[in-house]
């Protein structure tokens, strides 16, 4: 198993849904065939997968809780990451998920941003003194 680095946003406020803004998670894979959690649990909508780095491979997105089954029965979309930077990939637009949102990144160096709404809250990147 490898490591996926995740950054969630927006970090200091809620998304401005009225202006079309979504929650996002940027993921970078440090090794091949790695599974990671975008939304640990909860229902929501997958709006887009954006290629940040051109890598000739695919990513798979799955409707499953963290640690749950990720296979062809829970797959939501599979997207090729060989598209130019900034391109939306995989045709994901308004695809609902019920249990959570998991990702499998199949190649080293893959870098994608996933736009979504809903799901359980993520842990804030900020810490506050007690």
Foldseek 3Di string as FASTA:
>chain_A
DWDKDKDWDPQPDAFPVVVPAFIKIKIWTAFFWDKDFPFQWFKWAWAFKFFADADADKKWKFQAHVVDDDDPVGTQFIWGNNDPGGDTTGPRHGGMHGTGMMMIHGGHGTIMMIGIDTHDDDDHPDDDDD
